[in-house]
Amino acid sequence: MNGKENPLELLVMCVVMIVLSVLGIAGGLSRGLFGNMDGILMLGVCLMVALIFVILLLVLAMGQGWLGKKAGSPGTTPAAAK
């Protein structure tokens, strides 16, 4: 990322991919696909995609200040004693 991306667009893309991955897992469970090799591979791919986009979403949220505290924000450093 070069810093010119719109954070809202990245947020929407991450959420859409996470939802699609969860729907893939739910669809596989509802059809009983996870008893064979194809189902296990589908489960692995859906979990991997979901994990990648959850990590990207967390990095985006921390970078934008939506999650956690930034080092330069007021209140993070203690007041100097006089």
N, C-alpha and C. Protein backbone atom coordinates (compact mmCIF):
# COMPACT_ATOMS: atom_id res chain seq x y z
N MET A 1 0.84 -1.18 0.00
CA MET A 1 0.00 0.00 0.00
C MET A 1 0.88 1.24 0.00
N ASN A 2 0.50 2.22 -0.77
CA ASN A 2 1.32 3.42 -0.90
C ASN A 2 0.76 4.61 -0.14
N GLY A 3 -0.29 4.44 0.61
CA GLY A 3 -0.85 5.52 1.41
C GLY A 3 -1.90 6.35 0.70
N LYS A 4 -2.13 6.08 -0.57
CA LYS A 4 -3.13 6.85 -1.32
C LYS A 4 -4.47 6.13 -1.40
N GLU A 5 -4.57 4.98 -0.75
CA GLU A 5 -5.81 4.21 -0.77
C GLU A 5 -6.83 4.85 0.16
N ASN A 6 -8.08 4.69 -0.18
CA ASN A 6 -9.15 5.15 0.68
C ASN A 6 -9.39 4.07 1.75
N PRO A 7 -9.27 4.40 3.03
CA PRO A 7 -9.42 3.38 4.07
C PRO A 7 -10.82 2.75 4.08
N LEU A 8 -11.82 3.53 3.68
CA LEU A 8 -13.17 2.98 3.65
C LEU A 8 -13.31 1.89 2.58
N GLU A 9 -12.67 2.08 1.43
CA GLU A 9 -12.70 1.06 0.38
C GLU A 9 -12.00 -0.22 0.85
N LEU A 10 -10.85 -0.07 1.50
CA LEU A 10 -10.14 -1.23 2.02
C LEU A 10 -10.96 -1.95 3.09
N LEU A 11 -11.64 -1.18 3.92
CA LEU A 11 -12.50 -1.76 4.95
C LEU A 11 -13.62 -2.58 4.33
N VAL A 12 -14.25 -2.03 3.30
CA VAL A 12 -15.36 -2.74 2.64
C VAL A 12 -14.85 -4.01 1.96
N MET A 13 -13.69 -3.93 1.29
CA MET A 13 -13.15 -5.13 0.63
C MET A 13 -12.81 -6.21 1.64
N CYS A 14 -12.21 -5.83 2.75
CA CYS A 14 -11.86 -6.82 3.78
C CYS A 14 -13.12 -7.48 4.35
N VAL A 15 -14.12 -6.67 4.66
CA VAL A 15 -15.35 -7.22 5.24
C VAL A 15 -16.05 -8.14 4.25
N VAL A 16 -16.08 -7.75 2.97
CA VAL A 16 -16.73 -8.60 1.95
C VAL A 16 -16.01 -9.94 1.83
N MET A 17 -14.68 -9.94 1.81
CA MET A 17 -13.94 -11.19 1.69
C MET A 17 -14.11 -12.07 2.92
N ILE A 18 -14.17 -11.46 4.10
CA ILE A 18 -14.38 -12.24 5.32
C ILE A 18 -15.76 -12.87 5.32
N VAL A 19 -16.77 -12.09 4.91
CA VAL A 19 -18.14 -12.62 4.86
C VAL A 19 -18.24 -13.75 3.84
N LEU A 20 -17.62 -13.59 2.67
CA LEU A 20 -17.66 -14.66 1.66
C LEU A 20 -16.95 -15.92 2.16
N SER A 21 -15.87 -15.76 2.89
CA SER A 21 -15.17 -16.92 3.44
C SER A 21 -16.03 -17.65 4.47
N VAL A 22 -16.68 -16.88 5.32
CA VAL A 22 -17.56 -17.50 6.33
C VAL A 22 -18.74 -18.19 5.66
N LEU A 23 -19.28 -17.57 4.60
CA LEU A 23 -20.37 -18.20 3.86
C LEU A 23 -19.91 -19.49 3.18
N GLY A 24 -18.67 -19.51 2.70
CA GLY A 24 -18.12 -20.73 2.11
C GLY A 24 -18.00 -21.85 3.12
N ILE A 25 -17.56 -21.51 4.32
CA ILE A 25 -17.46 -22.51 5.39
C ILE A 25 -18.85 -22.99 5.79
N ALA A 26 -19.79 -22.06 5.92
CA ALA A 26 -21.16 -22.45 6.30
C ALA A 26 -21.81 -23.31 5.21
N GLY A 27 -21.57 -22.96 3.95
CA GLY A 27 -22.12 -23.75 2.86
C GLY A 27 -21.54 -25.15 2.82
N GLY A 28 -20.26 -25.26 3.09
CA GLY A 28 -19.62 -26.58 3.14
C GLY A 28 -20.14 -27.42 4.29
N LEU A 29 -20.35 -26.78 5.43
CA LEU A 29 -20.90 -27.52 6.58
C LEU A 29 -22.33 -27.96 6.34
N SER A 30 -23.13 -27.09 5.72
CA SER A 30 -24.54 -27.44 5.52
C SER A 30 -24.72 -28.56 4.49
N ARG A 31 -23.77 -28.71 3.58
CA ARG A 31 -23.87 -29.76 2.58
C ARG A 31 -23.06 -31.00 2.94
N GLY A 32 -22.39 -30.96 4.07
CA GLY A 32 -21.63 -32.12 4.52
C GLY A 32 -20.42 -32.41 3.66
N LEU A 33 -19.76 -31.37 3.14
CA LEU A 33 -18.62 -31.56 2.25
C LEU A 33 -17.32 -31.87 2.98
N PHE A 34 -17.26 -31.63 4.27
CA PHE A 34 -15.98 -31.74 4.97
C PHE A 34 -15.64 -33.16 5.37
N GLY A 35 -16.32 -34.15 4.79
CA GLY A 35 -15.99 -35.54 5.05
C GLY A 35 -15.02 -36.11 4.03
N ASN A 36 -14.76 -35.35 2.96
CA ASN A 36 -13.84 -35.86 1.94
C ASN A 36 -12.72 -34.84 1.69
N MET A 37 -11.82 -35.17 0.81
CA MET A 37 -10.65 -34.33 0.57
C MET A 37 -11.02 -32.98 -0.02
N ASP A 38 -12.00 -32.94 -0.92
CA ASP A 38 -12.41 -31.67 -1.52
C ASP A 38 -12.94 -30.71 -0.46
N GLY A 39 -13.70 -31.23 0.46
CA GLY A 39 -14.25 -30.40 1.52
C GLY A 39 -13.19 -29.88 2.47
N ILE A 40 -12.22 -30.73 2.76
CA ILE A 40 -11.13 -30.31 3.65
C ILE A 40 -10.30 -29.22 2.98
N LEU A 41 -10.04 -29.35 1.70
CA LEU A 41 -9.30 -28.32 0.97
C LEU A 41 -10.10 -27.02 0.90
N MET A 42 -11.41 -27.13 0.69
CA MET A 42 -12.25 -25.93 0.67
C MET A 42 -12.24 -25.24 2.03
N LEU A 43 -12.30 -26.01 3.09
CA LEU A 43 -12.25 -25.46 4.44
C LEU A 43 -10.91 -24.74 4.65
N GLY A 44 -9.83 -25.35 4.23
CA GLY A 44 -8.51 -24.73 4.38
C GLY A 44 -8.39 -23.42 3.62
N VAL A 45 -8.88 -23.40 2.40
CA VAL A 45 -8.81 -22.18 1.59
C VAL A 45 -9.67 -21.08 2.20
N CYS A 46 -10.88 -21.42 2.62
CA CYS A 46 -11.76 -20.42 3.23
C CYS A 46 -11.18 -19.87 4.52
N LEU A 47 -10.61 -20.73 5.34
CA LEU A 47 -9.99 -20.27 6.58
C LEU A 47 -8.77 -19.40 6.31
N MET A 48 -7.97 -19.77 5.31
CA MET A 48 -6.78 -19.00 4.99
C MET A 48 -7.15 -17.61 4.46
N VAL A 49 -8.13 -17.53 3.58
CA VAL A 49 -8.57 -16.24 3.05
C VAL A 49 -9.13 -15.37 4.18
N ALA A 50 -9.95 -15.98 5.04
CA ALA A 50 -10.51 -15.22 6.16
C ALA A 50 -9.41 -14.71 7.07
N LEU A 51 -8.42 -15.54 7.38
CA LEU A 51 -7.33 -15.14 8.26
C LEU A 51 -6.51 -14.00 7.66
N ILE A 52 -6.21 -14.08 6.37
CA ILE A 52 -5.44 -13.03 5.71
C ILE A 52 -6.18 -11.70 5.77
N PHE A 53 -7.47 -11.71 5.49
CA PHE A 53 -8.21 -10.46 5.48
C PHE A 53 -8.53 -9.95 6.88
N VAL A 54 -8.62 -10.82 7.87
CA VAL A 54 -8.78 -10.36 9.25
C VAL A 54 -7.50 -9.65 9.70
N ILE A 55 -6.35 -10.21 9.36
CA ILE A 55 -5.09 -9.58 9.72
C ILE A 55 -4.96 -8.23 9.01
N LEU A 56 -5.31 -8.17 7.72
CA LEU A 56 -5.27 -6.91 6.99
C LEU A 56 -6.22 -5.89 7.61
N LEU A 57 -7.38 -6.34 8.03
CA LEU A 57 -8.35 -5.44 8.67
C LEU A 57 -7.81 -4.91 10.00
N LEU A 58 -7.15 -5.75 10.79
CA LEU A 58 -6.57 -5.31 12.05
C LEU A 58 -5.44 -4.31 11.82
N VAL A 59 -4.59 -4.56 10.82
CA VAL A 59 -3.50 -3.64 10.50
C VAL A 59 -4.07 -2.30 10.03
N LEU A 60 -5.10 -2.34 9.21
CA LEU A 60 -5.75 -1.12 8.74
C LEU A 60 -6.35 -0.35 9.90
N ALA A 61 -7.03 -1.04 10.80
CA ALA A 61 -7.66 -0.38 11.95
C ALA A 61 -6.63 0.24 12.88
N MET A 62 -5.52 -0.44 13.09
CA MET A 62 -4.47 0.11 13.95
C MET A 62 -3.77 1.29 13.28
N GLY A 63 -3.57 1.21 11.99
CA GLY A 63 -2.93 2.29 11.25
C GLY A 63 -3.78 3.55 11.19
N GLN A 64 -5.10 3.38 11.13
CA GLN A 64 -6.00 4.52 11.07
C GLN A 64 -6.34 5.07 12.46
N GLY A 65 -5.94 4.34 13.49
CA GLY A 65 -6.24 4.80 14.85
C GLY A 65 -7.60 4.37 15.34
N TRP A 66 -8.25 3.46 14.63
CA TRP A 66 -9.56 2.97 15.05
C TRP A 66 -9.42 1.98 16.19
N LEU A 67 -8.25 1.38 16.32
CA LEU A 67 -8.01 0.34 17.30
C LEU A 67 -6.67 0.61 17.96
N GLY A 68 -6.65 0.64 19.28
CA GLY A 68 -5.41 0.88 19.99
C GLY A 68 -5.08 2.36 20.04
N LYS A 69 -3.96 2.66 20.66
CA LYS A 69 -3.53 4.05 20.80
C LYS A 69 -2.26 4.27 20.00
N LYS A 70 -2.15 5.43 19.41
CA LYS A 70 -0.93 5.80 18.71
C LYS A 70 0.07 6.35 19.73
N ALA A 71 1.34 6.29 19.40
CA ALA A 71 2.39 6.71 20.33
C ALA A 71 2.36 8.21 20.59
N GLY A 72 1.96 9.00 19.63
CA GLY A 72 2.01 10.46 19.78
C GLY A 72 0.72 11.06 20.30
N SER A 73 -0.27 10.30 20.60
CA SER A 73 -1.54 10.86 21.04
C SER A 73 -1.44 11.35 22.48
N PRO A 74 -2.18 12.41 22.84
CA PRO A 74 -2.11 12.94 24.20
C PRO A 74 -2.61 11.93 25.22
N GLY A 75 -1.99 11.93 26.35
CA GLY A 75 -2.41 11.02 27.41
C GLY A 75 -1.64 9.72 27.45
N THR A 76 -0.78 9.50 26.47
CA THR A 76 -0.01 8.24 26.47
C THR A 76 1.29 8.37 27.22
N THR A 77 1.76 9.61 27.39
CA THR A 77 3.01 9.81 28.14
C THR A 77 2.68 10.40 29.50
N PRO A 78 3.33 9.95 30.54
CA PRO A 78 3.06 10.50 31.86
C PRO A 78 3.58 11.93 31.98
N ALA A 79 2.96 12.71 32.83
CA ALA A 79 3.36 14.09 33.04
C ALA A 79 4.70 14.12 33.79
N ALA A 80 5.51 15.09 33.44
CA ALA A 80 6.82 15.21 34.07
C ALA A 80 6.65 15.74 35.50
N ALA A 81 7.39 15.19 36.42
CA ALA A 81 7.34 15.64 37.82
C ALA A 81 8.15 16.90 37.99
N LYS A 82 7.64 17.84 38.77
CA LYS A 82 8.35 19.10 38.99
C LYS A 82 8.98 19.14 40.34
